[in-house]
PDB file of N, CA and C in Angstrom:
ATOM      1  N   MET A   1     -23.345  -4.106 -10.288  1.00  0.00           N
ATOM      2  CA  MET A   1     -23.495  -3.127  -9.340  1.00  0.00           C
ATOM      3  C   MET A   1     -23.522  -1.798 -10.155  1.00  0.00           C
ATOM      4  N   LEU A   2     -24.403  -0.880  -9.672  1.00  0.00           N
ATOM      5  CA  LEU A   2     -24.501   0.398 -10.298  1.00  0.00           C
ATOM      6  C   LEU A   2     -23.576   1.351  -9.587  1.00  0.00           C
ATOM      7  N   ARG A   3     -22.896   2.288 -10.364  1.00  0.00           N
ATOM      8  CA  ARG A   3     -21.856   3.143  -9.759  1.00  0.00           C
ATOM      9  C   ARG A   3     -22.122   4.527 -10.240  1.00  0.00           C
ATOM     10  N   VAL A   4     -22.072   5.380  -9.311  1.00  0.00           N
ATOM     11  CA  VAL A   4     -22.144   6.875  -9.577  1.00  0.00           C
ATOM     12  C   VAL A   4     -21.156   7.541  -8.684  1.00  0.00           C
ATOM     13  N   GLY A   5     -20.380   8.385  -9.267  1.00  0.00           N
ATOM     14  CA  GLY A   5     -19.400   9.111  -8.502  1.00  0.00           C
ATOM     15  C   GLY A   5     -19.430  10.537  -8.969  1.00  0.00           C
ATOM     16  N   VAL A   6     -19.797  11.446  -8.076  1.00  0.00           N
ATOM     17  CA  VAL A   6     -19.815  12.800  -8.410  1.00  0.00           C
ATOM     18  C   VAL A   6     -19.085  13.644  -7.338  1.00  0.00           C
ATOM     19  N   ALA A   7     -18.427  14.679  -7.739  1.00  0.00           N
ATOM     20  CA  ALA A   7     -17.726  15.579  -6.778  1.00  0.00           C
ATOM     21  C   ALA A   7     -18.162  16.999  -7.014  1.00  0.00           C
ATOM     22  N   GLY A   8     -18.188  17.841  -6.050  1.00  0.00           N
ATOM     23  CA  GLY A   8     -18.340  19.185  -6.170  1.00  0.00           C
ATOM     24  C   GLY A   8     -16.967  19.745  -6.684  1.00  0.00           C
ATOM     25  N   ARG A   9     -17.029  21.001  -7.118  1.00  0.00           N
ATOM     26  CA  ARG A   9     -15.730  21.579  -7.450  1.00  0.00           C
ATOM     27  C   ARG A   9     -14.695  21.588  -6.453  1.00  0.00           C
ATOM     28  N   LEU A  10     -13.485  21.168  -6.717  1.00  0.00           N
ATOM     29  CA  LEU A  10     -12.455  21.193  -5.773  1.00  0.00           C
ATOM     30  C   LEU A  10     -11.083  21.648  -6.233  1.00  0.00           C
ATOM     31  N   GLU A  11     -10.200  22.141  -5.448  1.00  0.00           N
ATOM     32  CA  GLU A  11      -8.876  22.524  -5.940  1.00  0.00           C
ATOM     33  C   GLU A  11      -7.822  21.779  -5.083  1.00  0.00           C
ATOM     34  N   LEU A  12      -6.902  21.209  -5.741  1.00  0.00           N
ATOM     35  CA  LEU A  12      -5.891  20.411  -5.138  1.00  0.00           C
ATOM     36  C   LEU A  12      -4.520  21.133  -5.332  1.00  0.00           C
ATOM     37  N   ALA A  13      -3.648  21.074  -4.326  1.00  0.00           N
ATOM     38  CA  ALA A  13      -2.323  21.596  -4.345  1.00  0.00           C
ATOM     39  C   ALA A  13      -1.336  20.356  -4.577  1.00  0.00           C
ATOM     40  N   LEU A  14      -0.622  20.472  -5.647  1.00  0.00           N
ATOM     41  CA  LEU A  14       0.411  19.344  -5.927  1.00  0.00           C
ATOM     42  C   LEU A  14       1.719  19.572  -5.252  1.00  0.00           C
ATOM     43  N   ASP A  15       2.436  18.487  -4.960  1.00  0.00           N
ATOM     44  CA  ASP A  15       3.766  18.649  -4.293  1.00  0.00           C
ATOM     45  C   ASP A  15       4.692  19.590  -5.060  1.00  0.00           C
ATOM     46  N   GLY A  16       4.600  19.624  -6.325  1.00  0.00           N
ATOM     47  CA  GLY A  16       5.524  20.516  -7.187  1.00  0.00           C
ATOM     48  C   GLY A  16       5.127  21.973  -7.149  1.00  0.00           C
ATOM     49  N   GLY A  17       4.040  22.325  -6.449  1.00  0.00           N
ATOM     50  CA  GLY A  17       3.617  23.739  -6.409  1.00  0.00           C
ATOM     51  C   GLY A  17       2.508  23.972  -7.409  1.00  0.00           C
ATOM     52  N   ASP A  18       2.179  23.244  -8.363  1.00  0.00           N
ATOM     53  CA  ASP A  18       1.066  23.391  -9.319  1.00  0.00           C
ATOM     54  C   ASP A  18      -0.211  23.260  -8.528  1.00  0.00           C
ATOM     55  N   ARG A  19      -1.247  23.794  -9.220  1.00  0.00           N
ATOM     56  CA  ARG A  19      -2.650  23.628  -8.594  1.00  0.00           C
ATOM     57  C   ARG A  19      -3.524  22.957  -9.739  1.00  0.00           C
ATOM     58  N   ILE A  20      -4.402  22.114  -9.342  1.00  0.00           N
ATOM     59  CA  ILE A  20      -5.240  21.438 -10.254  1.00  0.00           C
ATOM     60  C   ILE A  20      -6.683  21.699  -9.799  1.00  0.00           C
ATOM     61  N   ARG A  21      -7.454  22.223 -10.667  1.00  0.00           N
ATOM     62  CA  ARG A  21      -8.887  22.547 -10.405  1.00  0.00           C
ATOM     63  C   ARG A  21      -9.794  21.445 -11.083  1.00  0.00           C
ATOM     64  N   VAL A  22     -10.564  20.816 -10.225  1.00  0.00           N
ATOM     65  CA  VAL A  22     -11.350  19.749 -10.690  1.00  0.00           C
ATOM     66  C   VAL A  22     -12.823  20.314 -10.743  1.00  0.00           C
ATOM     67  N   PRO A  23     -13.372  20.398 -11.809  1.00  0.00           N
ATOM     68  CA  PRO A  23     -14.795  20.901 -11.927  1.00  0.00           C
ATOM     69  C   PRO A  23     -15.776  19.886 -11.266  1.00  0.00           C
ATOM     70  N   ALA A  24     -16.879  20.478 -10.944  1.00  0.00           N
ATOM     71  CA  ALA A  24     -17.985  19.539 -10.393  1.00  0.00           C
ATOM     72  C   ALA A  24     -18.353  18.525 -11.581  1.00  0.00           C
ATOM     73  N   GLY A  25     -18.569  17.306 -11.146  1.00  0.00           N
ATOM     74  CA  GLY A  25     -18.930  16.281 -12.171  1.00  0.00           C
ATOM     75  C   GLY A  25     -18.408  14.876 -11.728  1.00  0.00           C
ATOM     76  N   PRO A  26     -18.289  13.961 -12.585  1.00  0.00           N
ATOM     77  CA  PRO A  26     -17.929  12.604 -12.427  1.00  0.00           C
ATOM     78  C   PRO A  26     -16.412  12.598 -11.831  1.00  0.00           C
ATOM     79  N   LEU A  27     -16.173  11.678 -10.881  1.00  0.00           N
ATOM     80  CA  LEU A  27     -14.932  11.545 -10.330  1.00  0.00           C
ATOM     81  C   LEU A  27     -14.825  10.098  -9.762  1.00  0.00           C
ATOM     82  N   TRP A  28     -13.710   9.424  -9.872  1.00  0.00           N
ATOM     83  CA  TRP A  28     -13.578   8.115  -9.331  1.00  0.00           C
ATOM     84  C   TRP A  28     -12.512   8.172  -8.238  1.00  0.00           C
ATOM     85  N   ILE A  29     -12.897   7.673  -7.065  1.00  0.00           N
ATOM     86  CA  ILE A  29     -11.980   7.504  -5.935  1.00  0.00           C
ATOM     87  C   ILE A  29     -11.659   6.055  -5.792  1.00  0.00           C
ATOM     88  N   ASP A  30     -10.424   5.745  -5.906  1.00  0.00           N
ATOM     89  CA  ASP A  30      -9.970   4.366  -5.985  1.00  0.00           C
ATOM     90  C   ASP A  30      -9.593   3.902  -4.579  1.00  0.00           C
ATOM     91  N   GLY A  31     -10.315   2.836  -4.223  1.00  0.00           N
ATOM     92  CA  GLY A  31     -10.024   2.127  -2.916  1.00  0.00           C
ATOM     93  C   GLY A  31     -10.634   2.802  -1.677  1.00  0.00           C
ATOM     94  N   GLY A  32     -10.671   2.155  -0.595  1.00  0.00           N
ATOM     95  CA  GLY A  32     -11.056   2.650   0.677  1.00  0.00           C
ATOM     96  C   GLY A  32     -12.668   2.877   0.729  1.00  0.00           C
ATOM     97  N   HIS A  33     -13.430   2.170   0.068  1.00  0.00           N
ATOM     98  CA  HIS A  33     -14.879   2.329   0.055  1.00  0.00           C
ATOM     99  C   HIS A  33     -15.507   1.749   1.310  1.00  0.00           C
ATOM    100  N   ASP A  34     -16.386   2.538   2.031  1.00  0.00           N
ATOM    101  CA  ASP A  34     -17.053   1.980   3.124  1.00  0.00           C
ATOM    102  C   ASP A  34     -18.415   1.586   2.589  1.00  0.00           C
ATOM    103  N   ARG A  35     -18.724   0.242   2.753  1.00  0.00           N
ATOM    104  CA  ARG A  35     -19.902  -0.361   2.297  1.00  0.00           C
ATOM    105  C   ARG A  35     -20.890  -0.438   3.422  1.00  0.00           C
ATOM    106  N   THR A  36     -22.122  -0.060   3.141  1.00  0.00           N
ATOM    107  CA  THR A  36     -23.263  -0.053   4.070  1.00  0.00           C
ATOM    108  C   THR A  36     -24.404  -0.755   3.318  1.00  0.00           C
ATOM    109  N   GLU A  37     -25.086  -1.617   4.154  1.00  0.00           N
ATOM    110  CA  GLU A  37     -26.383  -2.131   3.637  1.00  0.00           C
ATOM    111  C   GLU A  37     -27.439  -1.496   4.475  1.00  0.00           C
ATOM    112  N   LEU A  38     -28.297  -0.732   3.811  1.00  0.00           N
ATOM    113  CA  LEU A  38     -29.327  -0.084   4.545  1.00  0.00           C
ATOM    114  C   LEU A  38     -30.358  -1.014   5.004  1.00  0.00           C
ATOM    115  N   ALA A  39     -30.951  -0.618   6.152  1.00  0.00           N
ATOM    116  CA  ALA A  39     -31.960  -1.509   6.739  1.00  0.00           C
ATOM    117  C   ALA A  39     -33.230  -1.683   5.871  1.00  0.00           C
ATOM    118  N   ARG A  40     -33.653  -2.845   5.617  1.00  0.00           N
ATOM    119  CA  ARG A  40     -34.824  -3.074   4.796  1.00  0.00           C
ATOM    120  C   ARG A  40     -36.157  -2.481   5.313  1.00  0.00           C
ATOM    121  N   PRO A  41     -36.413  -2.487   6.601  1.00  0.00           N
ATOM    122  CA  PRO A  41     -37.663  -1.853   7.094  1.00  0.00           C
ATOM    123  C   PRO A  41     -37.689  -0.480   6.776  1.00  0.00           C
ATOM    124  N   GLU A  42     -36.625   0.264   6.865  1.00  0.00           N
ATOM    125  CA  GLU A  42     -36.621   1.677   6.634  1.00  0.00           C
ATOM    126  C   GLU A  42     -36.984   2.042   5.214  1.00  0.00           C
ATOM    127  N   LEU A  43     -36.457   1.148   4.308  1.00  0.00           N
ATOM    128  CA  LEU A  43     -36.704   1.312   2.809  1.00  0.00           C
ATOM    129  C   LEU A  43     -38.020   0.844   2.362  1.00  0.00           C
ATOM    130  N   GLU A  44     -38.548  -0.135   3.055  1.00  0.00           N
ATOM    131  CA  GLU A  44     -39.869  -0.756   2.669  1.00  0.00           C
ATOM    132  C   GLU A  44     -40.952   0.343   2.428  1.00  0.00           C
ATOM    133  N   GLU A  45     -41.056   1.197   3.394  1.00  0.00           N
ATOM    134  CA  GLU A  45     -42.134   2.221   3.344  1.00  0.00           C
ATOM    135  C   GLU A  45     -41.952   3.106   2.104  1.00  0.00           C
ATOM    136  N   LEU A  46     -40.743   3.547   1.868  1.00  0.00           N
ATOM    137  CA  LEU A  46     -40.410   4.306   0.684  1.00  0.00           C
ATOM    138  C   LEU A  46     -40.699   3.523  -0.611  1.00  0.00           C
ATOM    139  N   LEU A  47     -40.314   2.337  -0.694  1.00  0.00           N
ATOM    140  CA  LEU A  47     -40.527   1.466  -1.910  1.00  0.00           C
ATOM    141  C   LEU A  47     -41.911   1.284  -2.201  1.00  0.00           C
ATOM    142  N   ARG A  48     -42.853   1.068  -1.094  1.00  0.00           N
ATOM    143  CA  ARG A  48     -44.299   0.914  -1.299  1.00  0.00           C
ATOM    144  C   ARG A  48     -44.913   2.222  -1.756  1.00  0.00           C
ATOM    145  N   ALA A  49     -44.342   3.350  -1.302  1.00  0.00           N
ATOM    146  CA  ALA A  49     -44.934   4.665  -1.789  1.00  0.00           C
ATOM    147  C   ALA A  49     -44.583   4.910  -3.224  1.00  0.00           C
ATOM    148  N   VAL A  50     -43.431   4.564  -3.656  1.00  0.00           N
ATOM    149  CA  VAL A  50     -42.987   4.703  -5.029  1.00  0.00           C
ATOM    150  C   VAL A  50     -43.675   3.684  -5.961  1.00  0.00           C
ATOM    151  N   ASP A  51     -43.842   2.429  -5.496  1.00  0.00           N
ATOM    152  CA  ASP A  51     -44.473   1.328  -6.225  1.00  0.00           C
ATOM    153  C   ASP A  51     -45.493   0.698  -5.468  1.00  0.00           C
ATOM    154  N   PRO A  52     -46.772   1.196  -5.493  1.00  0.00           N
ATOM    155  CA  PRO A  52     -47.880   0.527  -4.682  1.00  0.00           C
ATOM    156  C   PRO A  52     -48.146  -0.923  -5.226  1.00  0.00           C
ATOM    157  N   ALA A  53     -47.829  -1.200  -6.405  1.00  0.00           N
ATOM    158  CA  ALA A  53     -48.073  -2.620  -6.832  1.00  0.00           C
ATOM    159  C   ALA A  53     -46.925  -3.558  -6.694  1.00  0.00           C
ATOM    160  N   ARG A  54     -46.016  -3.118  -5.818  1.00  0.00           N
ATOM    161  CA  ARG A  54     -44.869  -4.004  -5.507  1.00  0.00           C
ATOM    162  C   ARG A  54     -45.378  -5.341  -4.961  1.00  0.00           C
ATOM    163  N   VAL A  55     -44.793  -6.397  -5.406  1.00  0.00           N
ATOM    164  CA  VAL A  55     -45.183  -7.744  -5.024  1.00  0.00           C
ATOM    165  C   VAL A  55     -44.047  -8.416  -4.276  1.00  0.00           C
ATOM    166  N   LEU A  56     -44.355  -9.556  -3.762  1.00  0.00           N
ATOM    167  CA  LEU A  56     -43.366 -10.290  -2.946  1.00  0.00           C
ATOM    168  C   LEU A  56     -42.177 -10.781  -3.734  1.00  0.00           C
ATOM    169  N   VAL A  57     -42.362 -11.149  -4.912  1.00  0.00           N
ATOM    170  CA  VAL A  57     -41.226 -11.655  -5.796  1.00  0.00           C
ATOM    171  C   VAL A  57     -40.280 -10.511  -5.946  1.00  0.00           C
ATOM    172  N   ALA A  58     -40.656  -9.270  -6.110  1.00  0.00           N
ATOM    173  CA  ALA A  58     -39.715  -8.233  -6.181  1.00  0.00           C
ATOM    174  C   ALA A  58     -38.987  -8.015  -4.920  1.00  0.00           C
ATOM    175  N   GLU A  59     -39.630  -8.321  -3.766  1.00  0.00           N
ATOM    176  CA  GLU A  59     -38.923  -8.162  -2.511  1.00  0.00           C
ATOM    177  C   GLU A  59     -37.841  -9.204  -2.347  1.00  0.00           C
ATOM    178  N   LEU A  60     -38.051 -10.303  -2.875  1.00  0.00           N
ATOM    179  CA  LEU A  60     -37.130 -11.563  -2.767  1.00  0.00           C
ATOM    180  C   LEU A  60     -35.829 -11.343  -3.574  1.00  0.00           C
ATOM    181  N   TRP A  61     -36.042 -10.749  -4.750  1.00  0.00           N
ATOM    182  CA  TRP A  61     -34.947 -10.530  -5.726  1.00  0.00           C
ATOM    183  C   TRP A  61     -35.118  -9.222  -6.508  1.00  0.00           C
ATOM    184  N   SER A  62     -34.344  -8.296  -6.189  1.00  0.00           N
ATOM    185  CA  SER A  62     -34.511  -7.035  -6.913  1.00  0.00           C
ATOM    186  C   SER A  62     -33.374  -6.900  -7.979  1.00  0.00           C
ATOM    187  N   PRO A  63     -33.793  -6.561  -9.154  1.00  0.00           N
ATOM    188  CA  PRO A  63     -32.677  -6.404 -10.162  1.00  0.00           C
ATOM    189  C   PRO A  63     -31.755  -5.227 -10.023  1.00  0.00           C
ATOM    190  N   LEU A  64     -32.122  -4.277  -9.163  1.00  0.00           N
ATOM    191  CA  LEU A  64     -31.263  -3.150  -8.829  1.00  0.00           C
ATOM    192  C   LEU A  64     -30.903  -3.243  -7.328  1.00  0.00           C
ATOM    193  N   PRO A  65     -29.657  -3.192  -6.968  1.00  0.00           N
ATOM    194  CA  PRO A  65     -29.265  -3.318  -5.558  1.00  0.00           C
ATOM    195  C   PRO A  65     -29.400  -1.892  -4.805  1.00  0.00           C
ATOM    196  N   PHE A  66     -30.716  -1.704  -4.623  1.00  0.00           N
ATOM    197  CA  PHE A  66     -31.018  -0.378  -4.012  1.00  0.00           C
ATOM    198  C   PHE A  66     -30.674  -0.118  -2.620  1.00  0.00           C
ATOM    199  N   ASN A  67     -30.326  -1.150  -1.869  1.00  0.00           N
ATOM    200  CA  ASN A  67     -30.120  -1.064  -0.445  1.00  0.00           C
ATOM    201  C   ASN A  67     -28.664  -1.206  -0.045  1.00  0.00           C
ATOM    202  N   VAL A  68     -27.707  -1.304  -1.095  1.00  0.00           N
ATOM    203  CA  VAL A  68     -26.337  -1.343  -0.828  1.00  0.00           C
ATOM    204  C   VAL A  68     -25.590  -0.053  -1.267  1.00  0.00           C
ATOM    205  N   VAL A  69     -24.949   0.489  -0.350  1.00  0.00           N
ATOM    206  CA  VAL A  69     -24.271   1.806  -0.706  1.00  0.00           C
ATOM    207  C   VAL A  69     -22.756   1.723  -0.317  1.00  0.00           C
ATOM    208  N   ALA A  70     -21.930   2.151  -1.282  1.00  0.00           N
ATOM    209  CA  ALA A  70     -20.472   2.199  -1.040  1.00  0.00           C
ATOM    210  C   ALA A  70     -20.115   3.675  -1.181  1.00  0.00           C
ATOM    211  N   GLU A  71     -19.390   4.154  -0.209  1.00  0.00           N
ATOM    212  CA  GLU A  71     -19.010   5.604  -0.210  1.00  0.00           C
ATOM    213  C   GLU A  71     -17.530   5.726  -0.032  1.00  0.00           C
ATOM    214  N   ALA A  72     -16.937   6.633  -0.792  1.00  0.00           N
ATOM    215  CA  ALA A  72     -15.515   6.933  -0.574  1.00  0.00           C
ATOM    216  C   ALA A  72     -15.441   8.479  -0.521  1.00  0.00           C
ATOM    217  N   THR A  73     -14.724   9.066   0.399  1.00  0.00           N
ATOM    218  CA  THR A  73     -14.621  10.443   0.561  1.00  0.00           C
ATOM    219  C   THR A  73     -13.133  10.892   0.622  1.00  0.00           C
ATOM    220  N   VAL A  74     -12.885  12.161   0.212  1.00  0.00           N
ATOM    221  CA  VAL A  74     -11.548  12.694   0.413  1.00  0.00           C
ATOM    222  C   VAL A  74     -11.824  14.024   1.210  1.00  0.00           C
ATOM    223  N   GLN A  75     -11.086  14.174   2.266  1.00  0.00           N
ATOM    224  CA  GLN A  75     -11.262  15.273   3.225  1.00  0.00           C
ATOM    225  C   GLN A  75     -10.065  16.257   2.981  1.00  0.00           C
ATOM    226  N   VAL A  76     -10.323  17.490   3.413  1.00  0.00           N
ATOM    227  CA  VAL A  76      -9.257  18.481   3.394  1.00  0.00           C
ATOM    228  C   VAL A  76      -8.017  17.926   4.194  1.00  0.00           C
ATOM    229  N   GLY A  77      -6.949  18.113   3.558  1.00  0.00           N
ATOM    230  CA  GLY A  77      -5.638  17.571   4.207  1.00  0.00           C
ATOM    231  C   GLY A  77      -5.212  16.207   3.812  1.00  0.00           C
ATOM    232  N   ASP A  78      -6.081  15.432   3.147  1.00  0.00           N
ATOM    233  CA  ASP A  78      -5.794  14.050   2.690  1.00  0.00           C
ATOM    234  C   ASP A  78      -4.759  14.175   1.623  1.00  0.00           C
ATOM    235  N   ARG A  79      -3.834  13.278   1.538  1.00  0.00           N
ATOM    236  CA  ARG A  79      -2.936  13.090   0.379  1.00  0.00           C
ATOM    237  C   ARG A  79      -3.437  12.208  -0.580  1.00  0.00           C
ATOM    238  N   VAL A  80      -3.384  12.526  -1.898  1.00  0.00           N
ATOM    239  CA  VAL A  80      -3.953  11.690  -2.884  1.00  0.00           C
ATOM    240  C   VAL A  80      -2.953  11.642  -4.045  1.00  0.00           C
ATOM    241  N   GLU A  81      -3.051  10.541  -4.825  1.00  0.00           N
ATOM    242  CA  GLU A  81      -2.328  10.401  -6.156  1.00  0.00           C
ATOM    243  C   GLU A  81      -3.334  10.659  -7.200  1.00  0.00           C
ATOM    244  N   LEU A  82      -2.940  11.246  -8.335  1.00  0.00           N
ATOM    245  CA  LEU A  82      -3.911  11.517  -9.352  1.00  0.00           C
ATOM    246  C   LEU A  82      -3.517  10.604 -10.587  1.00  0.00           C
ATOM    247  N   ALA A  83      -4.634  10.141 -11.197  1.00  0.00           N
ATOM    248  CA  ALA A  83      -4.357   9.345 -12.441  1.00  0.00           C
ATOM    249  C   ALA A  83      -5.395   9.892 -13.526  1.00  0.00           C
ATOM    250  N   GLY A  84      -4.841  10.223 -14.631  1.00  0.00           N
ATOM    251  CA  GLY A  84      -5.684  10.800 -15.735  1.00  0.00           C
ATOM    252  C   GLY A  84      -5.013  11.930 -16.406  1.00  0.00           C
ATOM    253  N   ALA A  85      -5.445  12.169 -17.605  1.00  0.00           N
ATOM    254  CA  ALA A  85      -4.715  13.193 -18.449  1.00  0.00           C
ATOM    255  C   ALA A  85      -5.084  14.648 -17.883  1.00  0.00           C
ATOM    256  N   LEU A  86      -4.099  15.498 -17.863  1.00  0.00           N
ATOM    257  CA  LEU A  86      -4.307  16.928 -17.414  1.00  0.00           C
ATOM    258  C   LEU A  86      -3.937  17.937 -18.541  1.00  0.00           C
ATOM    259  N   ASP A  87      -4.622  19.000 -18.517  1.00  0.00           N
ATOM    260  CA  ASP A  87      -4.382  20.117 -19.489  1.00  0.00           C
ATOM    261  C   ASP A  87      -4.041  21.241 -18.664  1.00  0.00           C
ATOM    262  N   ARG A  88      -3.221  22.173 -19.188  1.00  0.00           N
ATOM    263  CA  ARG A  88      -2.895  23.476 -18.452  1.00  0.00           C
ATOM    264  C   ARG A  88      -3.780  24.514 -19.094  1.00  0.00           C
ATOM    265  N   ALA A  89      -4.278  25.346 -18.109  1.00  0.00           N
ATOM    266  CA  ALA A  89      -5.247  26.604 -18.532  1.00  0.00           C
ATOM    267  C   ALA A  89      -4.746  27.848 -17.916  1.00  0.00           C
ATOM    268  N   LEU A  90      -5.039  28.956 -18.573  1.00  0.00           N
ATOM    269  CA  LEU A  90      -4.699  30.247 -17.981  1.00  0.00           C
ATOM    270  C   LEU A  90      -5.617  30.531 -16.810  1.00  0.00           C
ATOM    271  N   ASP A  91      -5.057  31.156 -15.803  1.00  0.00           N
ATOM    272  CA  ASP A  91      -5.811  31.510 -14.548  1.00  0.00           C
ATOM    273  C   ASP A  91      -6.194  32.999 -14.638  1.00  0.00           C
ATOM    274  N   PRO A  92      -7.364  33.268 -15.087  1.00  0.00           N
ATOM    275  CA  PRO A  92      -7.958  34.647 -15.160  1.00  0.00           C
ATOM    276  C   PRO A  92      -8.096  35.304 -13.775  1.00  0.00           C
ATOM    277  N   SER A  93      -8.021  34.622 -12.701  1.00  0.00           N
ATOM    278  CA  SER A  93      -8.331  35.187 -11.384  1.00  0.00           C
ATOM    279  C   SER A  93      -6.994  35.888 -10.802  1.00  0.00           C
ATOM    280  N   VAL A  94      -5.843  35.690 -11.461  1.00  0.00           N
ATOM    281  CA  VAL A  94      -4.597  36.283 -10.960  1.00  0.00           C
ATOM    282  C   VAL A  94      -4.155  37.376 -11.889  1.00  0.00           C
ATOM    283  N   GLY A  95      -3.803  38.496 -11.271  1.00  0.00           N
ATOM    284  CA  GLY A  95      -3.361  39.667 -11.992  1.00  0.00           C
ATOM    285  C   GLY A  95      -4.354  40.522 -12.675  1.00  0.00           C
ATOM    286  N   GLY A  96      -5.574  40.196 -12.593  1.00  0.00           N
ATOM    287  CA  GLY A  96      -6.663  40.892 -13.261  1.00  0.00           C
ATOM    288  C   GLY A  96      -6.443  41.154 -14.745  1.00  0.00           C
ATOM    289  N   GLY A  97      -5.723  40.231 -15.449  1.00  0.00           N
ATOM    290  CA  GLY A  97      -5.484  40.279 -16.871  1.00  0.00           C
ATOM    291  C   GLY A  97      -4.356  41.180 -17.233  1.00  0.00           C
ATOM    292  N   ARG A  98      -3.729  41.846 -16.236  1.00  0.00           N
ATOM    293  CA  ARG A  98      -2.552  42.725 -16.498  1.00  0.00           C
ATOM    294  C   ARG A  98      -1.265  42.039 -16.124  1.00  0.00           C
ATOM    295  N   LEU A  99      -0.324  41.937 -16.942  1.00  0.00           N
ATOM    296  CA  LEU A  99       0.920  41.286 -16.677  1.00  0.00           C
ATOM    297  C   LEU A  99       2.092  42.203 -17.091  1.00  0.00           C
ATOM    298  N   PRO A 100       3.194  42.122 -16.339  1.00  0.00           N
ATOM    299  CA  PRO A 100       4.358  42.941 -16.777  1.00  0.00           C
ATOM    300  C   PRO A 100       4.787  42.392 -18.123  1.00  0.00           C
ATOM    301  N   TYR A 101       5.525  43.240 -18.817  1.00  0.00           N
ATOM    302  CA  TYR A 101       6.008  42.885 -20.171  1.00  0.00           C
ATOM    303  C   TYR A 101       6.746  41.572 -20.092  1.00  0.00           C
ATOM    304  N   ARG A 102       6.368  40.675 -21.009  1.00  0.00           N
ATOM    305  CA  ARG A 102       6.951  39.284 -21.190  1.00  0.00           C
ATOM    306  C   ARG A 102       6.842  38.408 -19.992  1.00  0.00           C
ATOM    307  N   ALA A 103       5.971  38.711 -19.034  1.00  0.00           N
ATOM    308  CA  ALA A 103       5.769  37.821 -17.901  1.00  0.00           C
ATOM    309  C   ALA A 103       4.807  36.657 -18.337  1.00  0.00           C
ATOM    310  N   ALA A 104       5.091  35.512 -17.862  1.00  0.00           N
ATOM    311  CA  ALA A 104       4.337  34.378 -18.160  1.00  0.00           C
ATOM    312  C   ALA A 104       3.039  34.364 -17.262  1.00  0.00           C
ATOM    313  N   PRO A 105       1.916  34.151 -17.861  1.00  0.00           N
ATOM    314  CA  PRO A 105       0.653  34.217 -17.119  1.00  0.00           C
ATOM    315  C   PRO A 105       0.578  33.020 -16.146  1.00  0.00           C
ATOM    316  N   ASP A 106      -0.069  33.214 -14.995  1.00  0.00           N
ATOM    317  CA  ASP A 106      -0.262  32.125 -14.144  1.00  0.00           C
ATOM    318  C   ASP A 106      -1.309  31.049 -14.681  1.00  0.00           C
ATOM    319  N   THR A 107      -1.027  29.857 -14.454  1.00  0.00           N
ATOM    320  CA  THR A 107      -1.815  28.774 -14.981  1.00  0.00           C
ATOM    321  C   THR A 107      -2.152  27.736 -13.966  1.00  0.00           C
ATOM    322  N   TYR A 108      -3.114  26.873 -14.242  1.00  0.00           N
ATOM    323  CA  TYR A 108      -3.487  25.767 -13.300  1.00  0.00           C
ATOM    324  C   TYR A 108      -3.782  24.638 -14.213  1.00  0.00           C
ATOM    325  N   LEU A 109      -3.785  23.412 -13.581  1.00  0.00           N
ATOM    326  CA  LEU A 109      -4.084  22.214 -14.346  1.00  0.00           C
ATOM    327  C   LEU A 109      -5.581  21.854 -14.181  1.00  0.00           C
ATOM    328  N   THR A 110      -6.104  21.157 -15.146  1.00  0.00           N
ATOM    329  CA  THR A 110      -7.445  20.777 -15.191  1.00  0.00           C
ATOM    330  C   THR A 110      -7.569  19.443 -15.899  1.00  0.00           C
ATOM    331  N   PRO A 111      -8.535  18.575 -15.378  1.00  0.00           N
ATOM    332  CA  PRO A 111      -8.560  17.198 -15.984  1.00  0.00           C
ATOM    333  C   PRO A 111      -9.087  17.279 -17.450  1.00  0.00           C
ATOM    334  N   ALA A 112      -8.428  16.424 -18.304  1.00  0.00           N
ATOM    335  CA  ALA A 112      -8.892  16.375 -19.723  1.00  0.00           C
ATOM    336  C   ALA A 112      -9.758  15.105 -19.833  1.00  0.00           C
ATOM    337  N   GLY A 113     -10.625  14.808 -18.887  1.00  0.00           N
ATOM    338  CA  GLY A 113     -11.442  13.630 -18.963  1.00  0.00           C
ATOM    339  C   GLY A 113     -11.685  13.227 -17.514  1.00  0.00           C
ATOM    340  N   MET A 114     -12.035  11.970 -17.349  1.00  0.00           N
ATOM    341  CA  MET A 114     -12.262  11.343 -16.042  1.00  0.00           C
ATOM    342  C   MET A 114     -11.074  11.353 -15.161  1.00  0.00           C
ATOM    343  N   LEU A 115     -11.085  11.830 -13.957  1.00  0.00           N
ATOM    344  CA  LEU A 115      -9.981  11.864 -13.054  1.00  0.00           C
ATOM    345  C   LEU A 115     -10.182  10.795 -11.997  1.00  0.00           C
ATOM    346  N   THR A 116      -8.998  10.185 -11.657  1.00  0.00           N
ATOM    347  CA  THR A 116      -9.041   9.113 -10.542  1.00  0.00           C
ATOM    348  C   THR A 116      -8.251   9.635  -9.389  1.00  0.00           C
ATOM    349  N   LEU A 117      -8.716   9.615  -8.200  1.00  0.00           N
ATOM    350  CA  LEU A 117      -7.966   9.928  -7.034  1.00  0.00           C
ATOM    351  C   LEU A 117      -7.772   8.721  -6.275  1.00  0.00           C
ATOM    352  N   ARG A 118      -6.505   8.514  -5.712  1.00  0.00           N
ATOM    353  CA  ARG A 118      -6.180   7.391  -4.867  1.00  0.00           C
ATOM    354  C   ARG A 118      -5.699   7.942  -3.608  1.00  0.00           C
ATOM    355  N   ARG A 119      -6.317   7.608  -2.436  1.00  0.00           N
ATOM    356  CA  ARG A 119      -5.769   8.140  -1.186  1.00  0.00           C
ATOM    357  C   ARG A 119      -4.480   7.453  -0.829  1.00  0.00           C
ATOM    358  N   ARG A 120      -3.595   8.277  -0.248  1.00  0.00           N
ATOM    359  CA  ARG A 120      -2.284   7.783   0.176  1.00  0.00           C
ATOM    360  C   ARG A 120      -2.285   7.905   1.695  1.00  0.00           C
ATOM    361  N   ASP A 121      -1.696   6.929   2.367  1.00  0.00           N
ATOM    362  CA  ASP A 121      -1.547   6.932   3.825  1.00  0.00           C
ATOM    363  C   ASP A 121      -0.300   7.687   4.170  1.00  0.00           C
ATOM    364  N   GLY A 122      -0.422   8.548   5.221  1.00  0.00           N
ATOM    365  CA  GLY A 122       0.675   9.233   5.689  1.00  0.00           C
ATOM    366  C   GLY A 122       0.910  10.518   5.059  1.00  0.00           C
TER     367      GLY A 122
END
């Protein structure tokens, strides 16, 4: 099965008060995938437009599962568990770069590679 997971930029609030900013890009959402098999008649017209030389053998067995889609989403308000390495980065949007003497700058967490989200119930 071919897999592609992409997310737009999102920001999550952690229970401990930290924030994690996830940049747009690859993301894995573990579990809870809704699987849909697209209707073949709807796809047939598109496939014939893309490949006019399409033959019956290709219709019986396709090497790429083009008509099966699995989707997992995370909505605002969903509780999730995070798996993956995180780095801490300075937050330039807070304080305008000016801090009181010896004040610690605000920071946020950011993934240090592929991040996995797992939805939690409740």
